[in-house]
Amino acid sequence: MLDHFIRSSPTAAADGTVSMNVMVWLCVAAFVFLILAVLWSARRVAGAGASPVRLLATIGLIAAWLFFGDPVSVLISGYPNELVGLALAALLTGLVARPLASYGEQLATVALLLVGVSFSYHLFLPYSMVMAGIWAWRERLWRRPVAWLVVVLIAAPVLLTPLLNAKAASGYQLTLPGTARTTDRAATLVLIALVLFCLTRRGGLRAPGNRNAVLGVAAAGAMAAAVATYQLITIGRTIYYFEKTLHLVIIVALVGLGGLARVLPRRAVPAFAVVLPLVVAMVVAGGRWHNQRPSVGLRVAAALERGSPDGARDAILMTRMFPDGGGMMNVDLMSSPYRNWYASTYASVMQRNYRYAQVWYLWQDPLSRPKTLETLETLVLDSPVPVRFFVFDPQASFLVLDPDHPSRASAKPGVSRSAYGDPAAKSNIAAAEYLAAKYPAKVQIVHAVPPNR
């Protein structure tokens, strides 16, 4: 919708790279919106009496957690709708903790936030309804006729998306796997403990703002626990949607962390000395139990993500050569596995050809089962359209002879990371030439030169 608004046109841009460029920047804008929403809401929880020093230290810690912690993984995993849903949930949390001065403005804003959450990421709608209910109970809204009128007006738009997606939103959907990164369990537990300490110490629960912020953390935690319980009972482990609910817990807790501004020492040096170890911990490590170095955010900031940005360069090259895909599935075999994986996927998107690329996306994933020439040949034969292989590096390889006991040439010192396959198996160029000779009507080879080579 924003893309259409920016270009003042209801149709997609003719150039796929232009459309991708707009989409990428809109994804970044969604993440920036999330950061601003959380910081604004945390500021509300902190209250008007927080000193600038305490507030600056608190906001700095929250910002570091957003970029170097799990929230940035939502951006790089490609979930802009979740980013918007999290941002709206953060705003709702802040407004329930400390409502606006005007009753009418508060009522209208809460109502519109519910509609926004429903349309952007309705997995978070139960939490949002609970938080709106907490505010409604506190304000005794059932006594106000205008509140009932608002309920009637927003009922249809709030329920529209969940009802239209009733099949996808069933319990079966909650047990499906996905590509969400595993949330940092240790950091999340530390965050929750810190928030509860800040909001409850010295009779803090007597303050309505603190009490409502604690209720928000409890509601989000209860939702995550419910999803985890359902998944454990159904499939015996937690997966995809549990990670999504943990994202909500983290965002709500970061809003509640605004209460830290009333706990920190008043002087600058002691205040920043308290938060600095937490900031450093978030920057240097991440992972399921905070056991992987460096953090995702640091890898993004330092451009250390495997396959990026070279995969994007290859994808743009492939799209410029064949803007509409040329009636074929274009597969990158020019370089290392991650670079090839990203390039094949995003080229198919820019060529508007992803309907043929989905199976290749799953198959080329470097973390999936090792590949053999036989499985590659089967994939080519099963493809509904011819396959075009892009090749360049003679050392590039990814095929193995024994997928149960793969041998990797790149595991040896001094060997290019492009040589990911078994030295005894065919290289990427040799495999492409073999298939092109065997299936001339089904396979085409393009000897390309990547932009940075």
Protein backbone atom coordinates (compact mmCIF):
# COMPACT_ATOMS: atom_id res chain seq x y z
CA MET A 1 0.00 0.00 0.00
CA LEU A 2 2.82 2.41 0.87
CA ASP A 3 4.61 1.49 -2.37
CA HIS A 4 1.51 2.44 -4.36
CA PHE A 5 1.22 5.69 -2.41
CA ILE A 6 4.87 6.60 -2.95
CA ARG A 7 4.66 6.07 -6.71
CA SER A 8 1.06 7.36 -7.02
CA SER A 9 0.20 4.23 -8.98
CA PRO A 10 -1.90 1.13 -8.15
CA THR A 11 0.33 -1.10 -10.30
CA ALA A 12 3.75 -2.52 -9.51
CA ALA A 13 6.86 -0.82 -10.90
CA ALA A 14 8.00 -2.32 -14.20
CA ASP A 15 11.58 -2.73 -12.97
CA GLY A 16 11.84 -5.43 -10.32
CA THR A 17 14.98 -3.89 -8.82
CA VAL A 18 13.10 -0.62 -8.28
CA SER A 19 10.27 -2.43 -6.51
CA MET A 20 12.78 -4.33 -4.36
CA ASN A 21 14.60 -1.11 -3.50
CA VAL A 22 11.39 0.50 -2.26
CA MET A 23 10.44 -2.62 -0.30
CA VAL A 24 13.83 -2.85 1.42
CA TRP A 25 13.70 0.77 2.57
CA LEU A 26 10.13 0.34 3.77
CA CYS A 27 11.27 -2.67 5.82
CA VAL A 28 14.00 -0.53 7.37
CA ALA A 29 11.43 2.21 8.02
CA ALA A 30 9.19 -0.32 9.78
CA PHE A 31 12.09 -1.24 12.08
CA VAL A 32 12.81 2.44 12.78
CA PHE A 33 9.11 2.87 13.57
CA LEU A 34 9.36 -0.01 16.06
CA ILE A 35 12.39 1.59 17.75
CA LEU A 36 10.66 4.97 18.06
CA ALA A 37 7.43 3.35 19.32
CA VAL A 38 9.24 1.41 22.05
CA LEU A 39 11.34 4.41 23.14
CA TRP A 40 8.29 6.68 23.25
CA SER A 41 6.29 4.15 25.24
CA ALA A 42 9.17 3.48 27.63
CA ARG A 43 9.39 7.24 28.18
CA ARG A 44 5.73 7.24 29.21
CA VAL A 45 6.32 4.43 31.68
CA ALA A 46 9.29 6.35 33.12
CA GLY A 47 6.99 9.26 33.91
CA ALA A 48 7.49 12.99 33.95
CA GLY A 49 9.71 12.99 37.03
CA ALA A 50 12.60 10.99 35.54
CA SER A 51 15.84 12.97 35.45
CA PRO A 52 17.62 13.47 32.09
CA VAL A 53 20.65 11.42 33.19
CA ARG A 54 18.61 8.45 34.32
CA LEU A 55 16.38 8.70 31.27
CA LEU A 56 19.31 8.85 28.85
CA ALA A 57 20.92 5.77 30.38
CA THR A 58 17.61 3.89 30.28
CA ILE A 59 16.81 4.85 26.69
CA GLY A 60 20.37 3.92 25.65
CA LEU A 61 19.98 0.43 27.14
CA ILE A 62 16.60 -0.08 25.46
CA ALA A 63 17.92 1.10 22.08
CA ALA A 64 20.90 -1.25 22.35
CA TRP A 65 18.57 -4.14 23.21
CA LEU A 66 16.42 -3.38 20.18
CA PHE A 67 19.30 -3.32 17.71
CA PHE A 68 21.71 -5.85 19.16
CA GLY A 69 19.10 -8.15 20.66
CA ASP A 70 16.33 -10.25 19.16
CA PRO A 71 14.15 -7.47 17.64
CA VAL A 72 16.64 -6.83 14.83
CA SER A 73 16.33 -10.49 13.80
CA VAL A 74 12.70 -9.77 12.87
CA LEU A 75 13.98 -7.23 10.35
CA ILE A 76 16.66 -9.39 8.74
CA SER A 77 14.36 -12.42 8.65
CA GLY A 78 11.91 -10.41 6.54
CA TYR A 79 8.80 -9.83 8.67
CA PRO A 80 7.79 -6.18 8.15
CA ASN A 81 4.19 -6.91 9.15
CA GLU A 82 5.40 -8.28 12.48
CA LEU A 83 7.55 -5.18 12.99
CA VAL A 84 4.49 -2.97 12.56
CA GLY A 85 2.41 -5.22 14.83
CA LEU A 86 5.07 -5.08 17.54
CA ALA A 87 5.31 -1.29 17.23
CA LEU A 88 1.55 -0.87 17.62
CA ALA A 89 1.51 -3.27 20.59
CA ALA A 90 4.30 -1.20 22.18
CA LEU A 91 2.31 2.01 21.73
CA LEU A 92 -0.77 0.37 23.21
CA THR A 93 1.24 -0.83 26.20
CA GLY A 94 2.58 2.65 26.85
CA LEU A 95 -0.86 4.25 26.55
CA VAL A 96 -2.46 1.74 28.90
CA ALA A 97 0.36 2.24 31.42
CA ARG A 98 -0.06 6.03 31.33
CA PRO A 99 -3.22 7.08 29.43
CA LEU A 100 -3.52 10.34 27.52
CA ALA A 101 -4.93 13.30 29.41
CA SER A 102 -7.97 13.51 27.13
CA TYR A 103 -10.45 10.65 27.54
CA GLY A 104 -11.71 11.07 23.97
CA GLU A 105 -8.21 10.99 22.47
CA GLN A 106 -7.30 7.93 24.53
CA LEU A 107 -10.44 6.07 23.48
CA ALA A 108 -9.93 6.86 19.78
CA THR A 109 -6.23 5.97 19.89
CA VAL A 110 -6.74 2.63 21.66
CA ALA A 111 -9.53 1.73 19.22
CA LEU A 112 -7.39 2.54 16.17
CA LEU A 113 -4.42 0.64 17.60
CA LEU A 114 -6.60 -2.46 17.94
CA VAL A 115 -7.60 -2.14 14.28
CA GLY A 116 -3.96 -1.63 13.31
CA VAL A 117 -2.78 -4.71 15.21
CA SER A 118 -5.54 -6.77 13.63
CA PHE A 119 -4.60 -5.70 10.12
CA SER A 120 -0.82 -5.93 10.56
CA TYR A 121 -0.23 -9.01 12.75
CA HIS A 122 -3.34 -10.44 14.37
CA LEU A 123 -1.35 -13.02 16.34
CA PHE A 124 -0.85 -10.16 18.80
CA LEU A 125 -4.54 -9.27 18.88
CA PRO A 126 -5.36 -11.34 22.02
CA TYR A 127 -2.68 -9.46 23.96
CA SER A 128 -3.90 -6.13 22.61
CA MET A 129 -7.50 -6.93 23.56
CA VAL A 130 -6.41 -7.81 27.09
CA MET A 131 -4.51 -4.55 27.46
CA ALA A 132 -7.43 -2.54 26.09
CA GLY A 133 -9.65 -4.41 28.54
CA ILE A 134 -7.38 -3.47 31.44
CA TRP A 135 -7.73 0.21 30.56
CA ALA A 136 -11.48 -0.14 29.95
CA TRP A 137 -11.95 -1.76 33.38
CA ARG A 138 -9.93 0.92 35.11
CA GLU A 139 -11.94 3.69 33.42
CA ARG A 140 -15.30 1.90 33.90
CA LEU A 141 -16.03 2.35 30.21
CA TRP A 142 -19.23 0.31 30.35
CA ARG A 143 -20.81 3.35 32.01
CA ARG A 144 -20.12 5.56 28.98
CA PRO A 145 -22.45 5.27 25.96
CA VAL A 146 -19.78 6.63 23.58
CA ALA A 147 -17.53 3.70 24.48
CA TRP A 148 -20.19 1.22 23.36
CA LEU A 149 -20.57 3.16 20.12
CA VAL A 150 -16.82 2.86 19.49
CA VAL A 151 -16.97 -0.89 20.18
CA VAL A 152 -19.68 -1.26 17.55
CA LEU A 153 -17.76 0.84 15.02
CA ILE A 154 -14.46 -1.05 15.34
CA ALA A 155 -15.90 -4.56 15.77
CA ALA A 156 -16.00 -5.26 12.03
CA PRO A 157 -12.48 -4.00 11.13
CA VAL A 158 -10.94 -5.65 14.20
CA LEU A 159 -12.48 -9.04 13.44
CA LEU A 160 -12.19 -8.85 9.64
CA THR A 161 -8.62 -10.14 9.28
CA PRO A 162 -8.89 -12.96 11.86
CA LEU A 163 -12.15 -14.17 10.31
CA LEU A 164 -10.81 -14.05 6.75
CA ASN A 165 -7.75 -15.97 7.92
CA ALA A 166 -9.69 -18.38 10.13
CA LYS A 167 -8.24 -21.43 8.38
CA ALA A 168 -4.64 -20.20 8.62
CA ALA A 169 -5.18 -19.09 12.21
CA SER A 170 -6.31 -22.54 13.38
CA GLY A 171 -4.45 -24.58 15.97
CA TYR A 172 -2.82 -26.56 13.16
CA GLN A 173 -1.12 -23.39 11.96
CA LEU A 174 0.49 -22.91 15.37
CA THR A 175 2.42 -26.16 14.94
CA LEU A 176 3.95 -25.33 11.56
CA PRO A 177 7.69 -24.57 11.30
CA GLY A 178 9.09 -21.33 9.95
CA THR A 179 12.27 -19.32 9.51
CA ALA A 180 12.14 -17.22 12.70
CA ARG A 181 15.47 -17.22 14.53
CA THR A 182 15.57 -18.79 17.97
CA THR A 183 15.12 -16.16 20.65
CA ASP A 184 17.85 -15.52 23.21
CA ARG A 185 16.35 -17.30 26.23
CA ALA A 186 18.93 -16.11 28.77
CA ALA A 187 18.70 -12.44 27.76
CA THR A 188 14.89 -12.59 27.77
CA LEU A 189 14.80 -14.00 31.30
CA VAL A 190 17.23 -11.31 32.49
CA LEU A 191 15.10 -8.62 30.84
CA ILE A 192 11.87 -9.84 32.46
CA ALA A 193 13.51 -10.10 35.89
CA LEU A 194 14.98 -6.60 35.57
CA VAL A 195 11.65 -5.10 34.50
CA LEU A 196 9.72 -6.71 37.34
CA PHE A 197 12.34 -5.55 39.83
CA CYS A 198 12.20 -1.96 38.57
CA LEU A 199 8.41 -1.76 38.55
CA THR A 200 7.68 -3.50 41.86
CA ARG A 201 10.44 -2.34 44.24
CA ARG A 202 9.52 -0.12 47.20
CA GLY A 203 5.79 -0.37 46.65
CA GLY A 204 6.00 0.40 42.97
CA LEU A 205 2.79 -1.49 42.25
CA ARG A 206 0.84 1.22 44.07
CA ALA A 207 1.45 3.42 41.02
CA PRO A 208 -1.16 2.66 38.30
CA GLY A 209 1.42 3.08 35.52
CA ASN A 210 3.77 0.51 37.02
CA ARG A 211 0.91 -1.84 37.79
CA ASN A 212 -0.41 -1.70 34.24
CA ALA A 213 3.08 -2.20 32.79
CA VAL A 214 3.53 -5.31 34.96
CA LEU A 215 0.14 -6.57 33.80
CA GLY A 216 1.31 -6.08 30.22
CA VAL A 217 4.40 -8.23 30.81
CA ALA A 218 2.23 -10.83 32.54
CA ALA A 219 -0.31 -10.87 29.68
CA ALA A 220 2.37 -11.24 27.02
CA GLY A 221 4.11 -13.92 29.06
CA ALA A 222 0.85 -15.81 29.56
CA MET A 223 0.22 -15.74 25.81
CA ALA A 224 3.71 -17.13 25.11
CA ALA A 225 3.22 -19.79 27.78
CA ALA A 226 -0.11 -20.81 26.25
CA VAL A 227 1.43 -21.21 22.78
CA ALA A 228 4.38 -23.14 24.23
CA THR A 229 2.08 -25.47 26.16
CA TYR A 230 -0.03 -26.16 23.07
CA GLN A 231 3.05 -26.90 20.94
CA LEU A 232 4.63 -29.11 23.58
CA ILE A 233 1.45 -31.14 23.93
CA THR A 234 0.88 -31.36 20.18
CA ILE A 235 4.36 -31.87 18.71
CA GLY A 236 6.63 -32.15 21.74
CA ARG A 237 8.70 -29.00 21.13
CA THR A 238 8.39 -25.26 20.67
CA ILE A 239 8.79 -23.74 17.21
CA TYR A 240 8.08 -20.72 15.01
CA TYR A 241 5.01 -19.09 16.57
CA PHE A 242 6.37 -19.49 20.08
CA GLU A 243 9.36 -17.42 18.97
CA LYS A 244 6.92 -14.81 17.64
CA THR A 245 5.16 -14.58 20.99
CA LEU A 246 8.55 -14.23 22.71
CA HIS A 247 9.22 -11.27 20.43
CA LEU A 248 6.07 -9.70 21.87
CA VAL A 249 7.22 -10.45 25.42
CA ILE A 250 10.55 -8.74 24.71
CA ILE A 251 8.96 -5.61 23.24
CA VAL A 252 6.45 -5.28 26.08
CA ALA A 253 9.22 -5.82 28.62
CA LEU A 254 11.38 -3.16 26.93
CA VAL A 255 8.49 -0.73 27.27
CA GLY A 256 8.25 -1.65 30.95
CA LEU A 257 12.01 -1.14 31.27
CA GLY A 258 11.21 2.56 31.25
CA GLY A 259 10.76 2.06 34.98
CA LEU A 260 14.53 1.70 35.24
CA ALA A 261 14.75 5.49 34.98
CA ARG A 262 13.45 5.72 38.56
CA VAL A 263 15.83 3.09 39.92
CA LEU A 264 19.22 4.13 38.54
CA PRO A 265 21.60 6.33 40.55
CA ARG A 266 21.07 10.05 40.06
CA ARG A 267 24.64 10.85 39.02
CA ALA A 268 25.80 10.21 35.45
CA VAL A 269 28.82 7.98 36.03
CA PRO A 270 27.11 5.50 38.40
CA ALA A 271 23.97 5.44 36.22
CA PHE A 272 25.84 4.58 33.04
CA ALA A 273 28.09 2.15 34.93
CA VAL A 274 24.97 0.13 35.81
CA VAL A 275 23.66 -0.15 32.24
CA LEU A 276 26.99 -0.45 30.42
CA PRO A 277 27.59 -4.15 31.28
CA LEU A 278 24.15 -5.02 29.91
CA VAL A 279 24.80 -3.04 26.72
CA VAL A 280 28.14 -4.78 26.23
CA ALA A 281 26.54 -8.18 26.87
CA MET A 282 23.93 -7.51 24.17
CA VAL A 283 26.52 -6.29 21.67
CA VAL A 284 29.03 -9.12 21.97
CA ALA A 285 26.79 -12.19 22.15
CA GLY A 286 23.43 -13.69 21.27
CA GLY A 287 22.07 -17.10 20.41
CA ARG A 288 19.58 -19.40 22.12
CA TRP A 289 21.35 -19.20 25.49
CA HIS A 290 23.42 -16.09 24.76
CA ASN A 291 26.26 -18.38 23.70
CA GLN A 292 27.00 -17.19 20.15
CA ARG A 293 29.43 -14.39 19.34
CA PRO A 294 28.98 -11.81 18.03
CA SER A 295 25.35 -10.75 18.33
CA VAL A 296 23.07 -10.60 15.30
CA GLY A 297 22.97 -6.83 15.49
CA LEU A 298 26.75 -6.53 15.49
CA ARG A 299 26.99 -8.82 12.46
CA VAL A 300 24.45 -6.66 10.66
CA ALA A 301 26.24 -3.43 11.59
CA ALA A 302 29.60 -4.85 10.49
CA ALA A 303 28.15 -6.48 7.32
CA LEU A 304 29.27 -9.90 8.55
CA GLU A 305 26.10 -11.77 7.59
CA ARG A 306 27.12 -14.72 5.42
CA GLY A 307 26.19 -14.25 1.78
CA SER A 308 25.35 -10.58 2.22
CA PRO A 309 25.64 -8.18 0.46
CA ASP A 310 27.21 -10.28 -2.34
CA GLY A 311 24.03 -12.30 -2.78
CA ALA A 312 22.17 -9.07 -3.50
CA ARG A 313 24.78 -8.08 -6.09
CA ASP A 314 24.31 -11.39 -7.89
CA ALA A 315 20.52 -11.08 -7.70
CA ILE A 316 20.63 -7.63 -9.30
CA LEU A 317 22.98 -8.92 -12.02
CA MET A 318 20.64 -11.82 -12.81
CA THR A 319 17.60 -9.52 -12.86
CA ARG A 320 19.26 -6.98 -15.11
CA MET A 321 20.15 -9.76 -17.56
CA PHE A 322 16.67 -11.34 -17.46
CA PRO A 323 14.15 -8.82 -16.05
CA ASP A 324 11.20 -11.23 -16.25
CA GLY A 325 13.16 -14.44 -15.74
CA GLY A 326 13.15 -15.24 -19.44
CA GLY A 327 10.61 -18.02 -18.91
CA MET A 328 13.12 -20.02 -16.86
CA MET A 329 14.07 -20.64 -13.24
CA ASN A 330 17.36 -18.81 -12.66
CA VAL A 331 19.69 -20.48 -10.16
CA ASP A 332 22.92 -18.93 -8.91
CA LEU A 333 25.87 -21.34 -8.64
CA MET A 334 28.58 -18.73 -9.09
CA SER A 335 30.04 -18.62 -5.61
CA SER A 336 29.59 -19.69 -1.95
CA PRO A 337 26.40 -21.43 -0.73
CA TYR A 338 24.88 -18.52 1.20
CA ARG A 339 25.61 -16.04 -1.58
CA ASN A 340 24.05 -18.39 -4.13
CA TRP A 341 21.04 -19.05 -1.90
CA TYR A 342 20.26 -15.37 -1.39
CA ALA A 343 20.83 -14.55 -5.06
CA SER A 344 18.53 -17.28 -6.41
CA THR A 345 15.77 -16.30 -3.96
CA TYR A 346 15.82 -12.53 -4.41
CA ALA A 347 16.40 -12.66 -8.15
CA SER A 348 13.24 -14.76 -8.45
CA VAL A 349 11.36 -12.15 -6.40
CA MET A 350 12.57 -9.24 -8.53
CA GLN A 351 11.81 -11.25 -11.67
CA ARG A 352 8.36 -12.01 -10.19
CA ASN A 353 9.13 -15.67 -10.64
CA TYR A 354 9.06 -16.93 -7.05
CA ARG A 355 6.34 -19.50 -7.75
CA TYR A 356 9.08 -21.58 -9.39
CA ALA A 357 11.75 -20.65 -6.85
CA GLN A 358 10.14 -21.77 -3.60
CA VAL A 359 11.33 -25.36 -3.94
CA TRP A 360 14.82 -24.12 -4.83
CA TYR A 361 14.78 -21.82 -1.79
CA LEU A 362 14.22 -24.79 0.49
CA TRP A 363 16.67 -27.00 -1.41
CA GLN A 364 19.53 -24.50 -1.67
CA ASP A 365 19.38 -23.58 2.02
CA PRO A 366 22.94 -24.26 3.27
CA LEU A 367 21.52 -25.55 6.56
CA SER A 368 19.32 -28.16 4.90
CA ARG A 369 20.37 -31.73 4.10
CA PRO A 370 23.58 -31.95 1.98
CA LYS A 371 22.90 -32.18 -1.75
CA THR A 372 23.94 -34.78 -4.29
CA LEU A 373 24.02 -34.71 -8.08
CA GLU A 374 21.05 -37.07 -8.07
CA THR A 375 18.86 -34.71 -6.03
CA LEU A 376 19.90 -31.79 -8.24
CA GLU A 377 18.97 -33.77 -11.33
CA THR A 378 15.59 -34.68 -9.82
CA LEU A 379 14.92 -31.04 -9.03
CA VAL A 380 15.69 -30.05 -12.62
CA LEU A 381 13.43 -32.74 -14.02
CA ASP A 382 10.57 -31.81 -11.67
CA SER A 383 10.81 -28.10 -12.49
CA PRO A 384 7.74 -26.92 -14.48
CA VAL A 385 10.01 -24.57 -16.46
CA PRO A 386 13.56 -24.90 -17.84
CA VAL A 387 16.42 -24.09 -15.46
CA ARG A 388 19.15 -21.55 -16.15
CA PHE A 389 22.36 -22.00 -14.11
CA PHE A 390 24.64 -19.01 -13.54
CA VAL A 391 28.27 -20.13 -13.06
CA PHE A 392 31.58 -18.35 -12.61
CA ASP A 393 34.08 -19.69 -10.05
CA PRO A 394 35.73 -22.99 -11.06
CA GLN A 395 36.28 -23.76 -7.37
CA ALA A 396 32.62 -23.29 -6.44
CA SER A 397 30.99 -26.52 -5.33
CA PHE A 398 28.31 -27.73 -2.94
CA LEU A 399 27.52 -31.32 -3.99
CA VAL A 400 28.57 -34.31 -1.88
CA LEU A 401 28.74 -38.05 -2.51
CA ASP A 402 27.41 -39.20 0.86
CA PRO A 403 24.84 -36.82 2.42
CA ASP A 404 24.99 -38.73 5.72
CA HIS A 405 28.77 -38.25 5.98
CA PRO A 406 29.58 -35.16 3.88
CA SER A 407 33.17 -34.18 3.18
CA ARG A 408 33.81 -30.46 2.75
CA ALA A 409 36.82 -29.11 0.89
CA SER A 410 36.39 -25.70 2.59
CA ALA A 411 36.93 -27.35 5.98
CA LYS A 412 40.65 -27.52 5.13
CA PRO A 413 42.90 -24.50 5.86
CA GLY A 414 43.43 -22.07 3.01
CA VAL A 415 40.59 -23.42 0.82
CA SER A 416 38.04 -20.97 -0.61
CA ARG A 417 34.63 -20.93 1.12
CA SER A 418 33.15 -21.40 -2.37
CA ALA A 419 34.51 -24.97 -2.33
CA TYR A 420 31.78 -26.16 0.00
CA GLY A 421 31.27 -29.53 -1.66
CA ASP A 422 33.06 -32.85 -1.59
CA PRO A 423 36.34 -32.69 -3.58
CA ALA A 424 35.38 -36.02 -5.15
CA ALA A 425 31.98 -34.71 -6.32
CA LYS A 426 31.33 -32.49 -9.33
CA SER A 427 31.97 -28.78 -9.06
CA ASN A 428 29.13 -26.36 -9.80
CA ILE A 429 30.34 -25.76 -13.35
CA ALA A 430 30.85 -29.49 -14.00
CA ALA A 431 27.39 -30.34 -12.61
CA ALA A 432 25.72 -27.66 -14.73
CA GLU A 433 27.54 -28.82 -17.87
CA TYR A 434 26.62 -32.44 -17.14
CA LEU A 435 22.91 -31.60 -16.82
CA ALA A 436 22.96 -29.29 -19.86
CA ALA A 437 24.47 -32.05 -21.99
CA LYS A 438 21.98 -34.62 -20.70
CA TYR A 439 18.90 -32.37 -20.87
CA PRO A 440 19.60 -29.70 -23.52
CA ALA A 441 15.96 -28.65 -23.70
CA LYS A 442 15.68 -28.27 -19.92
CA VAL A 443 19.00 -26.74 -18.84
CA GLN A 444 20.83 -23.60 -19.93
CA ILE A 445 24.17 -22.25 -18.65
CA VAL A 446 25.19 -18.60 -18.34
CA HIS A 447 28.85 -17.83 -17.65
CA ALA A 448 28.48 -14.55 -15.79
CA VAL A 449 30.91 -12.29 -13.94
CA PRO A 450 29.68 -11.09 -10.51
CA PRO A 451 29.85 -7.31 -10.04
CA ASN A 452 32.60 -7.46 -7.40
CA ARG A 453 34.83 -10.06 -9.09
